Structures are given as structure tokens and as C-alpha cells.
mmCIF file of all heavy atoms, coordinates in Angstrom:
data_MODEL
# 
_entry.id   MODEL 
# 
loop_
_atom_site.group_PDB 
_atom_site.id 
_atom_site.type_symbol 
_atom_site.label_atom_id 
_atom_site.label_alt_id 
_atom_site.label_comp_id 
_atom_site.label_asym_id 
_atom_site.label_entity_id 
_atom_site.label_seq_id 
_atom_site.pdbx_PDB_ins_code 
_atom_site.Cartn_x 
_atom_site.Cartn_y 
_atom_site.Cartn_z 
_atom_site.occupancy 
_atom_site.B_iso_or_equiv 
_atom_site.pdbx_formal_charge 
_atom_site.auth_seq_id 
_atom_site.auth_comp_id 
_atom_site.auth_asym_id 
_atom_site.auth_atom_id 
_atom_site.pdbx_PDB_model_num 
ATOM 1   N N   . PHE A 1 1  ? 91.697  62.517 -18.987 1.00 0.00 ? 1  PHE A N   1 
ATOM 2   C CA  . PHE A 1 1  ? 92.747  63.009 -19.889 1.00 0.00 ? 1  PHE A CA  1 
ATOM 3   C C   . PHE A 1 1  ? 93.498  61.832 -20.467 1.00 0.00 ? 1  PHE A C   1 
ATOM 4   O O   . PHE A 1 1  ? 93.509  60.744 -19.894 1.00 0.00 ? 1  PHE A O   1 
ATOM 5   C CB  . PHE A 1 1  ? 93.661  63.983 -19.135 1.00 0.00 ? 1  PHE A CB  1 
ATOM 6   C CG  . PHE A 1 1  ? 94.773  63.299 -18.348 1.00 0.00 ? 1  PHE A CG  1 
ATOM 7   C CD1 . PHE A 1 1  ? 96.040  63.220 -18.894 1.00 0.00 ? 1  PHE A CD1 1 
ATOM 8   C CD2 . PHE A 1 1  ? 94.539  62.760 -17.108 1.00 0.00 ? 1  PHE A CD2 1 
ATOM 9   C CE1 . PHE A 1 1  ? 97.076  62.614 -18.193 1.00 0.00 ? 1  PHE A CE1 1 
ATOM 10  C CE2 . PHE A 1 1  ? 95.567  62.161 -16.383 1.00 0.00 ? 1  PHE A CE2 1 
ATOM 11  C CZ  . PHE A 1 1  ? 96.840  62.074 -16.945 1.00 0.00 ? 1  PHE A CZ  1 
ATOM 12  N N   . THR A 1 2  ? 94.137  62.065 -21.583 1.00 0.00 ? 2  THR A N   1 
ATOM 13  C CA  . THR A 1 2  ? 94.694  60.961 -22.334 1.00 0.00 ? 2  THR A CA  1 
ATOM 14  C C   . THR A 1 2  ? 96.173  61.152 -22.642 1.00 0.00 ? 2  THR A C   1 
ATOM 15  O O   . THR A 1 2  ? 96.696  62.262 -22.637 1.00 0.00 ? 2  THR A O   1 
ATOM 16  C CB  . THR A 1 2  ? 93.926  60.771 -23.650 1.00 0.00 ? 2  THR A CB  1 
ATOM 17  O OG1 . THR A 1 2  ? 94.365  59.612 -24.327 1.00 0.00 ? 2  THR A OG1 1 
ATOM 18  C CG2 . THR A 1 2  ? 94.129  61.977 -24.579 1.00 0.00 ? 2  THR A CG2 1 
ATOM 19  N N   . THR A 1 3  ? 96.834  60.039 -22.885 1.00 0.00 ? 3  THR A N   1 
ATOM 20  C CA  . THR A 1 3  ? 98.149  60.023 -23.488 1.00 0.00 ? 3  THR A CA  1 
ATOM 21  C C   . THR A 1 3  ? 97.945  59.736 -25.005 1.00 0.00 ? 3  THR A C   1 
ATOM 22  O O   . THR A 1 3  ? 96.892  59.994 -25.556 1.00 0.00 ? 3  THR A O   1 
ATOM 23  C CB  . THR A 1 3  ? 99.046  58.978 -22.845 1.00 0.00 ? 3  THR A CB  1 
ATOM 24  O OG1 . THR A 1 3  ? 98.505  57.661 -23.063 1.00 0.00 ? 3  THR A OG1 1 
ATOM 25  C CG2 . THR A 1 3  ? 99.152  59.222 -21.346 1.00 0.00 ? 3  THR A CG2 1 
ATOM 26  N N   . ASP A 1 4  ? 98.976  59.196 -25.639 1.00 0.00 ? 4  ASP A N   1 
ATOM 27  C CA  . ASP A 1 4  ? 98.823  58.869 -27.048 1.00 0.00 ? 4  ASP A CA  1 
ATOM 28  C C   . ASP A 1 4  ? 97.924  57.672 -27.276 1.00 0.00 ? 4  ASP A C   1 
ATOM 29  O O   . ASP A 1 4  ? 97.424  57.479 -28.393 1.00 0.00 ? 4  ASP A O   1 
ATOM 30  C CB  . ASP A 1 4  ? 100.195 58.604 -27.682 1.00 0.00 ? 4  ASP A CB  1 
ATOM 31  C CG  . ASP A 1 4  ? 101.046 59.843 -27.784 1.00 0.00 ? 4  ASP A CG  1 
ATOM 32  O OD1 . ASP A 1 4  ? 100.474 60.956 -27.778 1.00 0.00 ? 4  ASP A OD1 1 
ATOM 33  O OD2 . ASP A 1 4  ? 102.260 59.720 -27.912 1.00 0.00 ? 4  ASP A OD2 1 
ATOM 34  N N   . ALA A 1 5  ? 97.715  56.867 -26.268 1.00 0.00 ? 5  ALA A N   1 
ATOM 35  C CA  . ALA A 1 5  ? 96.917  55.682 -26.372 1.00 0.00 ? 5  ALA A CA  1 
ATOM 36  C C   . ALA A 1 5  ? 95.466  55.952 -26.015 1.00 0.00 ? 5  ALA A C   1 
ATOM 37  O O   . ALA A 1 5  ? 95.177  56.422 -24.917 1.00 0.00 ? 5  ALA A O   1 
ATOM 38  C CB  . ALA A 1 5  ? 97.481  54.545 -25.508 1.00 0.00 ? 5  ALA A CB  1 
ATOM 39  N N   . PHE A 1 6  ? 94.559  55.640 -26.899 1.00 0.00 ? 6  PHE A N   1 
ATOM 40  C CA  . PHE A 1 6  ? 93.138  55.826 -26.626 1.00 0.00 ? 6  PHE A CA  1 
ATOM 41  C C   . PHE A 1 6  ? 92.706  55.032 -25.412 1.00 0.00 ? 6  PHE A C   1 
ATOM 42  O O   . PHE A 1 6  ? 91.823  55.484 -24.662 1.00 0.00 ? 6  PHE A O   1 
ATOM 43  C CB  . PHE A 1 6  ? 92.310  55.431 -27.845 1.00 0.00 ? 6  PHE A CB  1 
ATOM 44  C CG  . PHE A 1 6  ? 90.836  55.540 -27.629 1.00 0.00 ? 6  PHE A CG  1 
ATOM 45  C CD1 . PHE A 1 6  ? 90.181  56.757 -27.703 1.00 0.00 ? 6  PHE A CD1 1 
ATOM 46  C CD2 . PHE A 1 6  ? 90.099  54.395 -27.341 1.00 0.00 ? 6  PHE A CD2 1 
ATOM 47  C CE1 . PHE A 1 6  ? 88.821  56.853 -27.504 1.00 0.00 ? 6  PHE A CE1 1 
ATOM 48  C CE2 . PHE A 1 6  ? 88.722  54.483 -27.147 1.00 0.00 ? 6  PHE A CE2 1 
ATOM 49  C CZ  . PHE A 1 6  ? 88.098  55.714 -27.218 1.00 0.00 ? 6  PHE A CZ  1 
ATOM 50  N N   . THR A 1 7  ? 93.282  53.896 -25.209 1.00 0.00 ? 7  THR A N   1 
ATOM 51  C CA  . THR A 1 7  ? 92.891  53.030 -24.098 1.00 0.00 ? 7  THR A CA  1 
ATOM 52  C C   . THR A 1 7  ? 93.252  53.592 -22.735 1.00 0.00 ? 7  THR A C   1 
ATOM 53  O O   . THR A 1 7  ? 92.819  53.072 -21.705 1.00 0.00 ? 7  THR A O   1 
ATOM 54  C CB  . THR A 1 7  ? 93.493  51.632 -24.248 1.00 0.00 ? 7  THR A CB  1 
ATOM 55  O OG1 . THR A 1 7  ? 94.922  51.737 -24.414 1.00 0.00 ? 7  THR A OG1 1 
ATOM 56  C CG2 . THR A 1 7  ? 92.915  50.895 -25.425 1.00 0.00 ? 7  THR A CG2 1 
ATOM 57  N N   . SER A 1 8  ? 94.036  54.657 -22.697 1.00 0.00 ? 8  SER A N   1 
ATOM 58  C CA  . SER A 1 8  ? 94.333  55.332 -21.443 1.00 0.00 ? 8  SER A CA  1 
ATOM 59  C C   . SER A 1 8  ? 93.194  56.187 -20.961 1.00 0.00 ? 8  SER A C   1 
ATOM 60  O O   . SER A 1 8  ? 93.192  56.643 -19.810 1.00 0.00 ? 8  SER A O   1 
ATOM 61  C CB  . SER A 1 8  ? 95.586  56.191 -21.571 1.00 0.00 ? 8  SER A CB  1 
ATOM 62  O OG  . SER A 1 8  ? 95.360  57.326 -22.385 1.00 0.00 ? 8  SER A OG  1 
ATOM 63  N N   . GLU A 1 9  ? 92.201  56.447 -21.811 1.00 0.00 ? 9  GLU A N   1 
ATOM 64  C CA  . GLU A 1 9  ? 91.066  57.255 -21.452 1.00 0.00 ? 9  GLU A CA  1 
ATOM 65  C C   . GLU A 1 9  ? 90.068  56.462 -20.624 1.00 0.00 ? 9  GLU A C   1 
ATOM 66  O O   . GLU A 1 9  ? 89.662  55.366 -20.986 1.00 0.00 ? 9  GLU A O   1 
ATOM 67  C CB  . GLU A 1 9  ? 90.394  57.799 -22.701 1.00 0.00 ? 9  GLU A CB  1 
ATOM 68  C CG  . GLU A 1 9  ? 91.317  58.681 -23.534 1.00 0.00 ? 9  GLU A CG  1 
ATOM 69  C CD  . GLU A 1 9  ? 90.699  59.104 -24.843 1.00 0.00 ? 9  GLU A CD  1 
ATOM 70  O OE1 . GLU A 1 9  ? 89.587  58.675 -25.161 1.00 0.00 ? 9  GLU A OE1 1 
ATOM 71  O OE2 . GLU A 1 9  ? 91.364  59.862 -25.584 1.00 0.00 ? 9  GLU A OE2 1 
ATOM 72  N N   . ARG A 1 10 ? 89.684  57.007 -19.476 1.00 0.00 ? 10 ARG A N   1 
ATOM 73  C CA  . ARG A 1 10 ? 88.740  56.388 -18.577 1.00 0.00 ? 10 ARG A CA  1 
ATOM 74  C C   . ARG A 1 10 ? 87.390  57.039 -18.725 1.00 0.00 ? 10 ARG A C   1 
ATOM 75  O O   . ARG A 1 10 ? 87.303  58.260 -18.856 1.00 0.00 ? 10 ARG A O   1 
ATOM 76  C CB  . ARG A 1 10 ? 89.257  56.479 -17.141 1.00 0.00 ? 10 ARG A CB  1 
ATOM 77  C CG  . ARG A 1 10 ? 90.624  55.851 -16.932 1.00 0.00 ? 10 ARG A CG  1 
ATOM 78  C CD  . ARG A 1 10 ? 91.241  56.234 -15.600 1.00 0.00 ? 10 ARG A CD  1 
ATOM 79  N NE  . ARG A 1 10 ? 91.472  57.675 -15.490 1.00 0.00 ? 10 ARG A NE  1 
ATOM 80  C CZ  . ARG A 1 10 ? 92.482  58.327 -16.048 1.00 0.00 ? 10 ARG A CZ  1 
ATOM 81  N NH1 . ARG A 1 10 ? 93.392  57.661 -16.737 1.00 0.00 ? 10 ARG A NH1 1 
ATOM 82  N NH2 . ARG A 1 10 ? 92.595  59.638 -15.863 1.00 0.00 ? 10 ARG A NH2 1 
ATOM 83  N N   . THR A 1 11 ? 86.345  56.255 -18.691 1.00 0.00 ? 11 THR A N   1 
ATOM 84  C CA  . THR A 1 11 ? 85.003  56.786 -18.864 1.00 0.00 ? 11 THR A CA  1 
ATOM 85  C C   . THR A 1 11 ? 84.167  56.528 -17.630 1.00 0.00 ? 11 THR A C   1 
ATOM 86  O O   . THR A 1 11 ? 84.370  55.569 -16.902 1.00 0.00 ? 11 THR A O   1 
ATOM 87  C CB  . THR A 1 11 ? 84.305  56.173 -20.088 1.00 0.00 ? 11 THR A CB  1 
ATOM 88  O OG1 . THR A 1 11 ? 84.252  54.738 -19.944 1.00 0.00 ? 11 THR A OG1 1 
ATOM 89  C CG2 . THR A 1 11 ? 85.051  56.519 -21.360 1.00 0.00 ? 11 THR A CG2 1 
ATOM 90  N N   . HIS A 1 12 ? 83.227  57.423 -17.422 1.00 0.00 ? 12 HIS A N   1 
ATOM 91  C CA  . HIS A 1 12 ? 82.299  57.359 -16.278 1.00 0.00 ? 12 HIS A CA  1 
ATOM 92  C C   . HIS A 1 12 ? 80.923  57.788 -16.748 1.00 0.00 ? 12 HIS A C   1 
ATOM 93  O O   . HIS A 1 12 ? 80.814  58.664 -17.605 1.00 0.00 ? 12 HIS A O   1 
ATOM 94  C CB  . HIS A 1 12 ? 82.789  58.296 -15.149 1.00 0.00 ? 12 HIS A CB  1 
ATOM 95  C CG  . HIS A 1 12 ? 84.194  58.091 -14.735 1.00 0.00 ? 12 HIS A CG  1 
ATOM 96  N ND1 . HIS A 1 12 ? 84.572  57.272 -13.701 1.00 0.00 ? 12 HIS A ND1 1 
ATOM 97  C CD2 . HIS A 1 12 ? 85.344  58.604 -15.256 1.00 0.00 ? 12 HIS A CD2 1 
ATOM 98  C CE1 . HIS A 1 12 ? 85.883  57.293 -13.593 1.00 0.00 ? 12 HIS A CE1 1 
ATOM 99  N NE2 . HIS A 1 12 ? 86.375  58.094 -14.520 1.00 0.00 ? 12 HIS A NE2 1 
ATOM 100 N N   . TYR A 1 13 ? 79.904  57.157 -16.173 1.00 0.00 ? 13 TYR A N   1 
ATOM 101 C CA  . TYR A 1 13 ? 78.548  57.428 -16.583 1.00 0.00 ? 13 TYR A CA  1 
ATOM 102 C C   . TYR A 1 13 ? 77.625  57.504 -15.393 1.00 0.00 ? 13 TYR A C   1 
ATOM 103 O O   . TYR A 1 13 ? 77.779  56.772 -14.421 1.00 0.00 ? 13 TYR A O   1 
ATOM 104 C CB  . TYR A 1 13 ? 78.014  56.376 -17.544 1.00 0.00 ? 13 TYR A CB  1 
ATOM 105 C CG  . TYR A 1 13 ? 78.777  56.296 -18.839 1.00 0.00 ? 13 TYR A CG  1 
ATOM 106 C CD1 . TYR A 1 13 ? 79.814  55.383 -18.989 1.00 0.00 ? 13 TYR A CD1 1 
ATOM 107 C CD2 . TYR A 1 13 ? 78.449  57.120 -19.899 1.00 0.00 ? 13 TYR A CD2 1 
ATOM 108 C CE1 . TYR A 1 13 ? 80.518  55.307 -20.176 1.00 0.00 ? 13 TYR A CE1 1 
ATOM 109 C CE2 . TYR A 1 13 ? 79.172  57.057 -21.082 1.00 0.00 ? 13 TYR A CE2 1 
ATOM 110 C CZ  . TYR A 1 13 ? 80.194  56.136 -21.227 1.00 0.00 ? 13 TYR A CZ  1 
ATOM 111 O OH  . TYR A 1 13 ? 80.888  56.070 -22.412 1.00 0.00 ? 13 TYR A OH  1 
ATOM 112 N N   . ALA A 1 14 ? 76.667  58.392 -15.468 1.00 0.00 ? 14 ALA A N   1 
ATOM 113 C CA  . ALA A 1 14 ? 75.596  58.392 -14.509 1.00 0.00 ? 14 ALA A CA  1 
ATOM 114 C C   . ALA A 1 14 ? 74.736  57.168 -14.691 1.00 0.00 ? 14 ALA A C   1 
ATOM 115 O O   . ALA A 1 14 ? 74.584  56.655 -15.810 1.00 0.00 ? 14 ALA A O   1 
ATOM 116 C CB  . ALA A 1 14 ? 74.744  59.650 -14.675 1.00 0.00 ? 14 ALA A CB  1 
ATOM 117 N N   . ASP A 1 15 ? 74.162  56.653 -13.596 1.00 0.00 ? 15 ASP A N   1 
ATOM 118 C CA  . ASP A 1 15 ? 73.333  55.460 -13.691 1.00 0.00 ? 15 ASP A CA  1 
ATOM 119 C C   . ASP A 1 15 ? 72.181  55.652 -14.660 1.00 0.00 ? 15 ASP A C   1 
ATOM 120 O O   . ASP A 1 15 ? 71.756  54.709 -15.336 1.00 0.00 ? 15 ASP A O   1 
ATOM 121 C CB  . ASP A 1 15 ? 72.809  55.103 -12.322 1.00 0.00 ? 15 ASP A CB  1 
ATOM 122 C CG  . ASP A 1 15 ? 73.865  54.522 -11.395 1.00 0.00 ? 15 ASP A CG  1 
ATOM 123 O OD1 . ASP A 1 15 ? 74.930  54.114 -11.893 1.00 0.00 ? 15 ASP A OD1 1 
ATOM 124 O OD2 . ASP A 1 15 ? 73.613  54.509 -10.177 1.00 0.00 ? 15 ASP A OD2 1 
ATOM 125 N N   . SER A 1 16 ? 71.670  56.853 -14.755 1.00 0.00 ? 16 SER A N   1 
ATOM 126 C CA  . SER A 1 16 ? 70.509  57.118 -15.585 1.00 0.00 ? 16 SER A CA  1 
ATOM 127 C C   . SER A 1 16 ? 70.805  56.982 -17.073 1.00 0.00 ? 16 SER A C   1 
ATOM 128 O O   . SER A 1 16 ? 69.842  56.821 -17.869 1.00 0.00 ? 16 SER A O   1 
ATOM 129 C CB  . SER A 1 16 ? 69.947  58.513 -15.290 1.00 0.00 ? 16 SER A CB  1 
ATOM 130 O OG  . SER A 1 16 ? 70.921  59.520 -15.572 1.00 0.00 ? 16 SER A OG  1 
ATOM 131 N N   . VAL A 1 17 ? 72.049  57.044 -17.469 1.00 0.00 ? 17 VAL A N   1 
ATOM 132 C CA  . VAL A 1 17 ? 72.387  56.957 -18.894 1.00 0.00 ? 17 VAL A CA  1 
ATOM 133 C C   . VAL A 1 17 ? 73.283  55.767 -19.215 1.00 0.00 ? 17 VAL A C   1 
ATOM 134 O O   . VAL A 1 17 ? 73.562  55.536 -20.406 1.00 0.00 ? 17 VAL A O   1 
ATOM 135 C CB  . VAL A 1 17 ? 73.081  58.255 -19.394 1.00 0.00 ? 17 VAL A CB  1 
ATOM 136 C CG1 . VAL A 1 17 ? 72.206  59.468 -19.050 1.00 0.00 ? 17 VAL A CG1 1 
ATOM 137 C CG2 . VAL A 1 17 ? 74.470  58.409 -18.779 1.00 0.00 ? 17 VAL A CG2 1 
ATOM 138 N N   . LYS A 1 18 ? 73.688  55.042 -18.218 1.00 0.00 ? 18 LYS A N   1 
ATOM 139 C CA  . LYS A 1 18 ? 74.575  53.892 -18.435 1.00 0.00 ? 18 LYS A CA  1 
ATOM 140 C C   . LYS A 1 18 ? 73.928  52.885 -19.383 1.00 0.00 ? 18 LYS A C   1 
ATOM 141 O O   . LYS A 1 18 ? 72.784  52.517 -19.223 1.00 0.00 ? 18 LYS A O   1 
ATOM 142 C CB  . LYS A 1 18 ? 74.911  53.241 -17.088 1.00 0.00 ? 18 LYS A CB  1 
ATOM 143 C CG  . LYS A 1 18 ? 76.046  52.244 -17.121 1.00 0.00 ? 18 LYS A CG  1 
ATOM 144 C CD  . LYS A 1 18 ? 76.291  51.691 -15.735 1.00 0.00 ? 18 LYS A CD  1 
ATOM 145 C CE  . LYS A 1 18 ? 76.533  52.778 -14.711 1.00 0.00 ? 18 LYS A CE  1 
ATOM 146 N NZ  . LYS A 1 18 ? 76.733  52.222 -13.360 1.00 0.00 ? 18 LYS A NZ  1 
ATOM 147 N N   . GLY A 1 19 ? 74.691  52.488 -20.374 1.00 0.00 ? 19 GLY A N   1 
ATOM 148 C CA  . GLY A 1 19 ? 74.191  51.551 -21.368 1.00 0.00 ? 19 GLY A CA  1 
ATOM 149 C C   . GLY A 1 19 ? 73.466  52.209 -22.527 1.00 0.00 ? 19 GLY A C   1 
ATOM 150 O O   . GLY A 1 19 ? 73.204  51.543 -23.538 1.00 0.00 ? 19 GLY A O   1 
ATOM 151 N N   . ARG A 1 20 ? 73.159  53.488 -22.417 1.00 0.00 ? 20 ARG A N   1 
ATOM 152 C CA  . ARG A 1 20 ? 72.502  54.227 -23.487 1.00 0.00 ? 20 ARG A CA  1 
ATOM 153 C C   . ARG A 1 20 ? 73.371  55.305 -24.116 1.00 0.00 ? 20 ARG A C   1 
ATOM 154 O O   . ARG A 1 20 ? 73.255  55.567 -25.312 1.00 0.00 ? 20 ARG A O   1 
ATOM 155 C CB  . ARG A 1 20 ? 71.209  54.868 -22.986 1.00 0.00 ? 20 ARG A CB  1 
ATOM 156 C CG  . ARG A 1 20 ? 70.161  53.909 -22.492 1.00 0.00 ? 20 ARG A CG  1 
ATOM 157 C CD  . ARG A 1 20 ? 68.848  54.628 -22.257 1.00 0.00 ? 20 ARG A CD  1 
ATOM 158 N NE  . ARG A 1 20 ? 68.944  55.657 -21.224 1.00 0.00 ? 20 ARG A NE  1 
ATOM 159 C CZ  . ARG A 1 20 ? 68.709  56.956 -21.427 1.00 0.00 ? 20 ARG A CZ  1 
ATOM 160 N NH1 . ARG A 1 20 ? 68.305  57.402 -22.599 1.00 0.00 ? 20 ARG A NH1 1 
ATOM 161 N NH2 . ARG A 1 20 ? 68.809  57.813 -20.409 1.00 0.00 ? 20 ARG A NH2 1 
ATOM 162 N N   . PHE A 1 21 ? 74.235  55.928 -23.332 1.00 0.00 ? 21 PHE A N   1 
ATOM 163 C CA  . PHE A 1 21 ? 75.073  57.006 -23.792 1.00 0.00 ? 21 PHE A CA  1 
ATOM 164 C C   . PHE A 1 21 ? 76.543  56.542 -23.839 1.00 0.00 ? 21 PHE A C   1 
ATOM 165 O O   . PHE A 1 21 ? 76.952  55.733 -22.979 1.00 0.00 ? 21 PHE A O   1 
ATOM 166 C CB  . PHE A 1 21 ? 75.000  58.224 -22.871 1.00 0.00 ? 21 PHE A CB  1 
ATOM 167 C CG  . PHE A 1 21 ? 73.672  58.948 -22.894 1.00 0.00 ? 21 PHE A CG  1 
ATOM 168 C CD1 . PHE A 1 21 ? 72.562  58.451 -23.561 1.00 0.00 ? 21 PHE A CD1 1 
ATOM 169 C CD2 . PHE A 1 21 ? 73.564  60.154 -22.241 1.00 0.00 ? 21 PHE A CD2 1 
ATOM 170 C CE1 . PHE A 1 21 ? 71.371  59.140 -23.586 1.00 0.00 ? 21 PHE A CE1 1 
ATOM 171 C CE2 . PHE A 1 21 ? 72.372  60.857 -22.237 1.00 0.00 ? 21 PHE A CE2 1 
ATOM 172 C CZ  . PHE A 1 21 ? 71.260  60.353 -22.896 1.00 0.00 ? 21 PHE A CZ  1 
ATOM 173 N N   . ILE A 1 22 ? 77.284  57.076 -24.771 1.00 0.00 ? 22 ILE A N   1 
ATOM 174 C CA  . ILE A 1 22 ? 78.709  56.803 -24.876 1.00 0.00 ? 22 ILE A CA  1 
ATOM 175 C C   . ILE A 1 22 ? 79.450  58.119 -25.079 1.00 0.00 ? 22 ILE A C   1 
ATOM 176 O O   . ILE A 1 22 ? 79.095  58.904 -25.944 1.00 0.00 ? 22 ILE A O   1 
ATOM 177 C CB  . ILE A 1 22 ? 79.011  55.843 -26.033 1.00 0.00 ? 22 ILE A CB  1 
ATOM 178 C CG1 . ILE A 1 22 ? 78.330  54.483 -25.827 1.00 0.00 ? 22 ILE A CG1 1 
ATOM 179 C CG2 . ILE A 1 22 ? 80.534  55.645 -26.177 1.00 0.00 ? 22 ILE A CG2 1 
ATOM 180 C CD1 . ILE A 1 22 ? 78.446  53.559 -27.042 1.00 0.00 ? 22 ILE A CD1 1 
ATOM 181 N N   . ILE A 1 23 ? 80.473  58.342 -24.275 1.00 0.00 ? 23 ILE A N   1 
ATOM 182 C CA  . ILE A 1 23 ? 81.343  59.499 -24.435 1.00 0.00 ? 23 ILE A CA  1 
ATOM 183 C C   . ILE A 1 23 ? 82.619  59.064 -25.120 1.00 0.00 ? 23 ILE A C   1 
ATOM 184 O O   . ILE A 1 23 ? 83.166  58.001 -24.832 1.00 0.00 ? 23 ILE A O   1 
ATOM 185 C CB  . ILE A 1 23 ? 81.620  60.178 -23.081 1.00 0.00 ? 23 ILE A CB  1 
ATOM 186 C CG1 . ILE A 1 23 ? 82.396  61.487 -23.315 1.00 0.00 ? 23 ILE A CG1 1 
ATOM 187 C CG2 . ILE A 1 23 ? 82.377  59.263 -22.152 1.00 0.00 ? 23 ILE A CG2 1 
ATOM 188 C CD1 . ILE A 1 23 ? 82.504  62.339 -22.046 1.00 0.00 ? 23 ILE A CD1 1 
ATOM 189 N N   . SER A 1 24 ? 83.068  59.871 -26.064 1.00 0.00 ? 24 SER A N   1 
ATOM 190 C CA  . SER A 1 24 ? 84.315  59.587 -26.768 1.00 0.00 ? 24 SER A CA  1 
ATOM 191 C C   . SER A 1 24 ? 84.996  60.888 -27.125 1.00 0.00 ? 24 SER A C   1 
ATOM 192 O O   . SER A 1 24 ? 84.407  61.987 -27.000 1.00 0.00 ? 24 SER A O   1 
ATOM 193 C CB  . SER A 1 24 ? 84.042  58.762 -28.050 1.00 0.00 ? 24 SER A CB  1 
ATOM 194 O OG  . SER A 1 24 ? 83.272  59.492 -28.972 1.00 0.00 ? 24 SER A OG  1 
ATOM 195 N N   . ARG A 1 25 ? 86.248  60.803 -27.519 1.00 0.00 ? 25 ARG A N   1 
ATOM 196 C CA  . ARG A 1 25 ? 87.001  62.011 -27.859 1.00 0.00 ? 25 ARG A CA  1 
ATOM 197 C C   . ARG A 1 25 ? 87.873  61.780 -29.067 1.00 0.00 ? 25 ARG A C   1 
ATOM 198 O O   . ARG A 1 25 ? 88.320  60.662 -29.354 1.00 0.00 ? 25 ARG A O   1 
ATOM 199 C CB  . ARG A 1 25 ? 87.840  62.481 -26.666 1.00 0.00 ? 25 ARG A CB  1 
ATOM 200 C CG  . ARG A 1 25 ? 88.939  61.500 -26.244 1.00 0.00 ? 25 ARG A CG  1 
ATOM 201 C CD  . ARG A 1 25 ? 89.524  61.869 -24.888 1.00 0.00 ? 25 ARG A CD  1 
ATOM 202 N NE  . ARG A 1 25 ? 90.148  63.165 -24.897 1.00 0.00 ? 25 ARG A NE  1 
ATOM 203 C CZ  . ARG A 1 25 ? 90.392  63.919 -23.824 1.00 0.00 ? 25 ARG A CZ  1 
ATOM 204 N NH1 . ARG A 1 25 ? 90.026  63.502 -22.614 1.00 0.00 ? 25 ARG A NH1 1 
ATOM 205 N NH2 . ARG A 1 25 ? 90.996  65.104 -23.942 1.00 0.00 ? 25 ARG A NH2 1 
# 
């Protein structure tokens, strides 16, 4: 979840997709 700052958003990835997939909002 986020505040007004985009940099407050934390991302997590499964090992199988790390480096290939990007989540954003």
C-alpha cells in the first residue's frame, strides 16, 4: 500500500519471475 510518494511502495517477486516481471500501480 502506498502514501502520496511512489517510493513508499514496496515490491516483491517470486524467484521464477524475478528480473523478468515488474509490478507497478
